[in-house]
């Protein structure tokens, strides 16, 4: 009598794993992108609020008008750009007084010497003579974004907000098949 044996290998579990890996290749990058967007929106809000606080702007709209977000799904990048466009001094609480223009850029009330209000614009003389004159402007928000508390709050928020959002999106995508 010959002793023989038969080997049966069930590859159905292996095939299911291969199908899951193929599906993951499609859904994980989308989930990472969506998680990054979720976290980046919060980062943008924190940056705008910090910039408003640091510059002394009276309204968040002053900052929002100069902040642009540029998401790029192909590069998995989310850029927060702050325009160097001048800010109007009236966005910083400018008021005309008998001695000149009083405003609070950087939350620091000050009287601008040789300044005056003319036809809806805040102006200042550049010398002690009558001319030349120039318009008064508030802080440059692009420069402000790179100094003070803004970079620190940006880095802290990125560190604590984006990774959990990405992990949650990836877990949901792998668990349910949706991103």
C-alpha atoms as a PDB file:
ATOM      1  CA  UNK A   1       0.000   0.000   0.000  1.00  0.00           C
ATOM      2  CA  UNK A   2       1.407   3.332  -0.946  1.00  0.00           C
ATOM      3  CA  UNK A   3       1.282   6.168   1.502  1.00  0.00           C
ATOM      4  CA  UNK A   4       0.301   9.379  -0.156  1.00  0.00           C
ATOM      5  CA  UNK A   5      -0.999  12.619   0.999  1.00  0.00           C
ATOM      6  CA  UNK A   6      -2.930  15.436  -0.522  1.00  0.00           C
ATOM      7  CA  UNK A   7      -2.211  19.059   0.262  1.00  0.00           C
ATOM      8  CA  UNK A   8      -5.074  21.486   0.033  1.00  0.00           C
ATOM      9  CA  UNK A   9      -4.289  25.191   0.360  1.00  0.00           C
ATOM     10  CA  UNK A  10      -7.159  27.631   0.699  1.00  0.00           C
ATOM     11  CA  UNK A  11      -6.032  30.845  -1.009  1.00  0.00           C
ATOM     12  CA  UNK A  12      -9.336  32.663  -0.686  1.00  0.00           C
ATOM     13  CA  UNK A  13      -8.082  34.651   2.328  1.00  0.00           C
ATOM     14  CA  UNK A  14      -4.919  35.564   0.443  1.00  0.00           C
ATOM     15  CA  UNK A  15      -6.951  36.706  -2.555  1.00  0.00           C
ATOM     16  CA  UNK A  16      -9.192  38.827  -0.313  1.00  0.00           C
ATOM     17  CA  UNK A  17      -6.090  40.471   1.170  1.00  0.00           C
ATOM     18  CA  UNK A  18      -4.786  41.200  -2.318  1.00  0.00           C
ATOM     19  CA  UNK A  19      -8.141  42.798  -3.259  1.00  0.00           C
ATOM     20  CA  UNK A  20      -8.024  44.934  -0.086  1.00  0.00           C
ATOM     21  CA  UNK A  21      -4.499  46.101  -0.908  1.00  0.00           C
ATOM     22  CA  UNK A  22      -5.591  47.062  -4.425  1.00  0.00           C
ATOM     23  CA  UNK A  23      -8.557  48.996  -3.022  1.00  0.00           C
ATOM     24  CA  UNK A  24      -6.309  50.686  -0.438  1.00  0.00           C
ATOM     25  CA  UNK A  25      -4.002  51.922  -3.206  1.00  0.00           C
ATOM     26  CA  UNK A  26      -6.973  53.871  -4.564  1.00  0.00           C
ATOM     27  CA  UNK A  27      -8.692  55.120  -1.422  1.00  0.00           C
ATOM     28  CA  UNK A  28      -5.778  55.921   0.918  1.00  0.00           C
ATOM     29  CA  UNK A  29      -4.354  58.861  -1.103  1.00  0.00           C
ATOM     30  CA  UNK A  30      -7.840  60.380  -1.317  1.00  0.00           C
ATOM     31  CA  UNK A  31      -8.355  59.859   2.408  1.00  0.00           C
ATOM     32  CA  UNK A  32      -4.979  61.460   3.176  1.00  0.00           C
ATOM     33  CA  UNK A  33      -5.896  64.476   1.020  1.00  0.00           C
ATOM     34  CA  UNK A  34      -9.300  64.879   2.663  1.00  0.00           C
ATOM     35  CA  UNK A  35      -7.816  64.543   6.129  1.00  0.00           C
ATOM     36  CA  UNK A  36      -5.195  67.131   5.257  1.00  0.00           C
ATOM     37  CA  UNK A  37      -7.915  69.505   4.038  1.00  0.00           C
ATOM     38  CA  UNK A  38      -9.902  69.005   7.254  1.00  0.00           C
ATOM     39  CA  UNK A  39      -6.911  69.866   9.416  1.00  0.00           C
ATOM     40  CA  UNK A  40      -5.662  72.658   7.156  1.00  0.00           C
ATOM     41  CA  UNK A  41      -8.945  74.543   7.384  1.00  0.00           C
ATOM     42  CA  UNK A  42      -8.488  74.714  11.139  1.00  0.00           C
ATOM     43  CA  UNK A  43      -4.848  75.781  10.714  1.00  0.00           C
ATOM     44  CA  UNK A  44      -5.952  78.587   8.358  1.00  0.00           C
ATOM     45  CA  UNK A  45      -8.476  79.833  10.903  1.00  0.00           C
ATOM     46  CA  UNK A  46      -5.870  79.832  13.676  1.00  0.00           C
ATOM     47  CA  UNK A  47      -3.383  81.721  11.473  1.00  0.00           C
ATOM     48  CA  UNK A  48      -5.992  84.351  10.542  1.00  0.00           C
ATOM     49  CA  UNK A  49      -7.005  84.896  14.161  1.00  0.00           C
ATOM     50  CA  UNK A  50      -3.393  85.107  15.335  1.00  0.00           C
ATOM     51  CA  UNK A  51      -2.598  87.582  12.560  1.00  0.00           C
ATOM     52  CA  UNK A  52      -5.585  89.733  13.534  1.00  0.00           C
ATOM     53  CA  UNK A  53      -4.553  89.666  17.184  1.00  0.00           C
ATOM     54  CA  UNK A  54      -0.888  90.409  16.463  1.00  0.00           C
ATOM     55  CA  UNK A  55      -1.453  93.206  13.947  1.00  0.00           C
ATOM     56  CA  UNK A  56      -4.169  94.911  15.995  1.00  0.00           C
ATOM     57  CA  UNK A  57      -6.765  94.825  13.202  1.00  0.00           C
ATOM     58  CA  UNK A  58     -10.229  95.619  14.492  1.00  0.00           C
ATOM     59  CA  UNK A  59     -12.000  93.165  12.141  1.00  0.00           C
ATOM     60  CA  UNK A  60     -11.073  89.678  10.960  1.00  0.00           C
ATOM     61  CA  UNK A  61     -12.173  90.759   7.473  1.00  0.00           C
ATOM     62  CA  UNK A  62      -9.029  92.914   7.218  1.00  0.00           C
ATOM     63  CA  UNK A  63      -6.922  89.754   7.493  1.00  0.00           C
ATOM     64  CA  UNK A  64      -9.247  87.447   5.545  1.00  0.00           C
ATOM     65  CA  UNK A  65      -9.096  89.720   2.477  1.00  0.00           C
ATOM     66  CA  UNK A  66      -5.321  89.275   2.380  1.00  0.00           C
ATOM     67  CA  UNK A  67      -5.049  85.539   3.113  1.00  0.00           C
ATOM     68  CA  UNK A  68      -5.322  83.076   0.238  1.00  0.00           C
ATOM     69  CA  UNK A  69      -5.298  79.300   0.522  1.00  0.00           C
ATOM     70  CA  UNK A  70      -4.032  77.174  -2.352  1.00  0.00           C
ATOM     71  CA  UNK A  71      -4.708  73.454  -1.960  1.00  0.00           C
ATOM     72  CA  UNK A  72      -3.025  71.045  -4.376  1.00  0.00           C
ATOM     73  CA  UNK A  73      -4.262  67.454  -4.359  1.00  0.00           C
ATOM     74  CA  UNK A  74      -1.612  66.200  -6.771  1.00  0.00           C
ATOM     75  CA  UNK A  75       1.252  67.458  -4.585  1.00  0.00           C
ATOM     76  CA  UNK A  76      -0.579  66.865  -1.274  1.00  0.00           C
ATOM     77  CA  UNK A  77       0.150  70.490  -0.431  1.00  0.00           C
ATOM     78  CA  UNK A  78      -1.892  73.236   1.235  1.00  0.00           C
ATOM     79  CA  UNK A  79      -0.371  76.717   1.016  1.00  0.00           C
ATOM     80  CA  UNK A  80      -1.500  79.650   3.142  1.00  0.00           C
ATOM     81  CA  UNK A  81      -0.325  82.822   1.391  1.00  0.00           C
ATOM     82  CA  UNK A  82      -0.595  86.294   2.902  1.00  0.00           C
ATOM     83  CA  UNK A  83      -0.683  89.205   0.471  1.00  0.00           C
ATOM     84  CA  UNK A  84       1.726  92.088   0.932  1.00  0.00           C
ATOM     85  CA  UNK A  85      -1.035  94.480  -0.159  1.00  0.00           C
ATOM     86  CA  UNK A  86      -1.096  97.552   2.060  1.00  0.00           C
ATOM     87  CA  UNK A  87      -3.590  97.772   4.885  1.00  0.00           C
ATOM     88  CA  UNK A  88      -5.577 100.913   5.473  1.00  0.00           C
ATOM     89  CA  UNK A  89      -4.870 102.624   8.771  1.00  0.00           C
ATOM     90  CA  UNK A  90      -8.615 102.978   9.387  1.00  0.00           C
ATOM     91  CA  UNK A  91      -8.740  99.165   9.824  1.00  0.00           C
ATOM     92  CA  UNK A  92      -6.716  99.759  12.986  1.00  0.00           C
ATOM     93  CA  UNK A  93      -9.129 102.166  14.665  1.00  0.00           C
ATOM     94  CA  UNK A  94      -7.858 105.430  13.171  1.00  0.00           C
ATOM     95  CA  UNK A  95      -9.554 108.587  14.406  1.00  0.00           C
ATOM     96  CA  UNK A  96      -8.800 112.189  13.648  1.00  0.00           C
ATOM     97  CA  UNK A  97      -7.998 114.373  16.632  1.00  0.00           C
ATOM     98  CA  UNK A  98      -6.958 117.979  16.998  1.00  0.00           C
ATOM     99  CA  UNK A  99      -3.292 116.937  17.093  1.00  0.00           C
ATOM    100  CA  UNK A 100      -3.329 114.428  14.214  1.00  0.00           C
ATOM    101  CA  UNK A 101      -4.418 110.872  13.515  1.00  0.00           C
ATOM    102  CA  UNK A 102      -4.686 108.449  16.411  1.00  0.00           C
ATOM    103  CA  UNK A 103      -4.615 104.695  15.585  1.00  0.00           C
ATOM    104  CA  UNK A 104      -3.624 101.387  17.188  1.00  0.00           C
ATOM    105  CA  UNK A 105      -1.558  99.228  14.839  1.00  0.00           C
ATOM    106  CA  UNK A 106      -0.020  96.270  16.731  1.00  0.00           C
ATOM    107  CA  UNK A 107      -2.500  97.061  19.556  1.00  0.00           C
ATOM    108  CA  UNK A 108      -0.291 100.001  20.434  1.00  0.00           C
ATOM    109  CA  UNK A 109      -2.223 103.301  20.471  1.00  0.00           C
ATOM    110  CA  UNK A 110      -0.190 106.116  19.013  1.00  0.00           C
ATOM    111  CA  UNK A 111      -0.543 109.574  17.571  1.00  0.00           C
ATOM    112  CA  UNK A 112       0.930 109.960  14.089  1.00  0.00           C
ATOM    113  CA  UNK A 113       2.848 113.230  13.938  1.00  0.00           C
ATOM    114  CA  UNK A 114       2.163 115.624  11.053  1.00  0.00           C
ATOM    115  CA  UNK A 115      -0.921 113.578  10.086  1.00  0.00           C
ATOM    116  CA  UNK A 116      -4.345 114.759   8.980  1.00  0.00           C
ATOM    117  CA  UNK A 117      -7.594 113.645   7.339  1.00  0.00           C
ATOM    118  CA  UNK A 118      -8.216 114.799   3.763  1.00  0.00           C
ATOM    119  CA  UNK A 119     -11.138 113.816   1.523  1.00  0.00           C
ATOM    120  CA  UNK A 120     -11.689 110.374   3.060  1.00  0.00           C
ATOM    121  CA  UNK A 121      -8.005 109.507   3.364  1.00  0.00           C
ATOM    122  CA  UNK A 122      -5.590 109.579   6.255  1.00  0.00           C
ATOM    123  CA  UNK A 123      -2.446 111.439   5.203  1.00  0.00           C
ATOM    124  CA  UNK A 124       0.889 112.431   6.740  1.00  0.00           C
ATOM    125  CA  UNK A 125       3.538 114.938   5.845  1.00  0.00           C
ATOM    126  CA  UNK A 126       6.933 113.343   5.285  1.00  0.00           C
ATOM    127  CA  UNK A 127       8.805 116.467   6.372  1.00  0.00           C
ATOM    128  CA  UNK A 128       8.027 119.471   8.550  1.00  0.00           C
ATOM    129  CA  UNK A 129       7.131 121.373   5.366  1.00  0.00           C
ATOM    130  CA  UNK A 130       3.680 121.347   3.776  1.00  0.00           C
ATOM    131  CA  UNK A 131       4.675 118.987   0.963  1.00  0.00           C
ATOM    132  CA  UNK A 132       5.393 116.128   0.206  1.00  0.00           C
ATOM    133  CA  UNK A 133       2.583 114.097   1.746  1.00  0.00           C
ATOM    134  CA  UNK A 134       1.794 110.374   1.731  1.00  0.00           C
ATOM    135  CA  UNK A 135      -1.080 108.136   2.752  1.00  0.00           C
ATOM    136  CA  UNK A 136      -0.934 106.410   6.127  1.00  0.00           C
ATOM    137  CA  UNK A 137      -0.984 102.610   6.062  1.00  0.00           C
ATOM    138  CA  UNK A 138      -1.264  99.916   8.697  1.00  0.00           C
ATOM    139  CA  UNK A 139       1.108  96.965   9.213  1.00  0.00           C
ATOM    140  CA  UNK A 140       2.160  94.767   6.290  1.00  0.00           C
ATOM    141  CA  UNK A 141       0.405  91.484   7.077  1.00  0.00           C
ATOM    142  CA  UNK A 142       2.791  89.413   4.938  1.00  0.00           C
ATOM    143  CA  UNK A 143       5.678  90.517   7.166  1.00  0.00           C
ATOM    144  CA  UNK A 144       3.565  90.070  10.296  1.00  0.00           C
ATOM    145  CA  UNK A 145       2.798  86.463   9.323  1.00  0.00           C
ATOM    146  CA  UNK A 146       6.485  85.594   9.593  1.00  0.00           C
ATOM    147  CA  UNK A 147       7.081  87.178  13.014  1.00  0.00           C
ATOM    148  CA  UNK A 148       5.633  87.159  16.500  1.00  0.00           C
ATOM    149  CA  UNK A 149       3.138  84.502  17.589  1.00  0.00           C
ATOM    150  CA  UNK A 150       1.850  83.542  14.133  1.00  0.00           C
ATOM    151  CA  UNK A 151       4.604  81.026  13.147  1.00  0.00           C
ATOM    152  CA  UNK A 152       4.437  79.319  16.541  1.00  0.00           C
ATOM    153  CA  UNK A 153       0.676  78.947  16.452  1.00  0.00           C
ATOM    154  CA  UNK A 154       0.891  77.689  12.869  1.00  0.00           C
ATOM    155  CA  UNK A 155       3.412  74.966  13.764  1.00  0.00           C
ATOM    156  CA  UNK A 156       1.574  73.941  16.922  1.00  0.00           C
ATOM    157  CA  UNK A 157      -1.772  73.691  15.152  1.00  0.00           C
ATOM    158  CA  UNK A 158      -0.276  71.739  12.236  1.00  0.00           C
ATOM    159  CA  UNK A 159       1.337  69.287  14.661  1.00  0.00           C
ATOM    160  CA  UNK A 160      -1.814  68.630  16.702  1.00  0.00           C
ATOM    161  CA  UNK A 161      -4.631  68.994  14.162  1.00  0.00           C
ATOM    162  CA  UNK A 162      -3.573  67.469  10.853  1.00  0.00           C
ATOM    163  CA  UNK A 163      -2.232  63.981  11.795  1.00  0.00           C
ATOM    164  CA  UNK A 164      -5.378  62.921  13.733  1.00  0.00           C
ATOM    165  CA  UNK A 165      -7.609  64.117  10.880  1.00  0.00           C
ATOM    166  CA  UNK A 166      -5.566  62.154   8.330  1.00  0.00           C
ATOM    167  CA  UNK A 167      -5.568  59.006  10.494  1.00  0.00           C
ATOM    168  CA  UNK A 168      -9.329  59.241  11.015  1.00  0.00           C
ATOM    169  CA  UNK A 169      -9.950  59.593   7.275  1.00  0.00           C
ATOM    170  CA  UNK A 170      -7.621  56.694   6.411  1.00  0.00           C
ATOM    171  CA  UNK A 171      -9.206  54.461   9.072  1.00  0.00           C
ATOM    172  CA  UNK A 172     -12.662  55.289   7.769  1.00  0.00           C
ATOM    173  CA  UNK A 173     -11.599  54.624   4.179  1.00  0.00           C
ATOM    174  CA  UNK A 174     -10.064  51.264   5.003  1.00  0.00           C
ATOM    175  CA  UNK A 175     -12.833  50.216   7.337  1.00  0.00           C
ATOM    176  CA  UNK A 176     -15.894  51.113   5.309  1.00  0.00           C
ATOM    177  CA  UNK A 177     -14.632  51.517   1.772  1.00  0.00           C
ATOM    178  CA  UNK A 178     -15.427  55.254   1.746  1.00  0.00           C
ATOM    179  CA  UNK A 179     -13.100  58.213   2.179  1.00  0.00           C
END
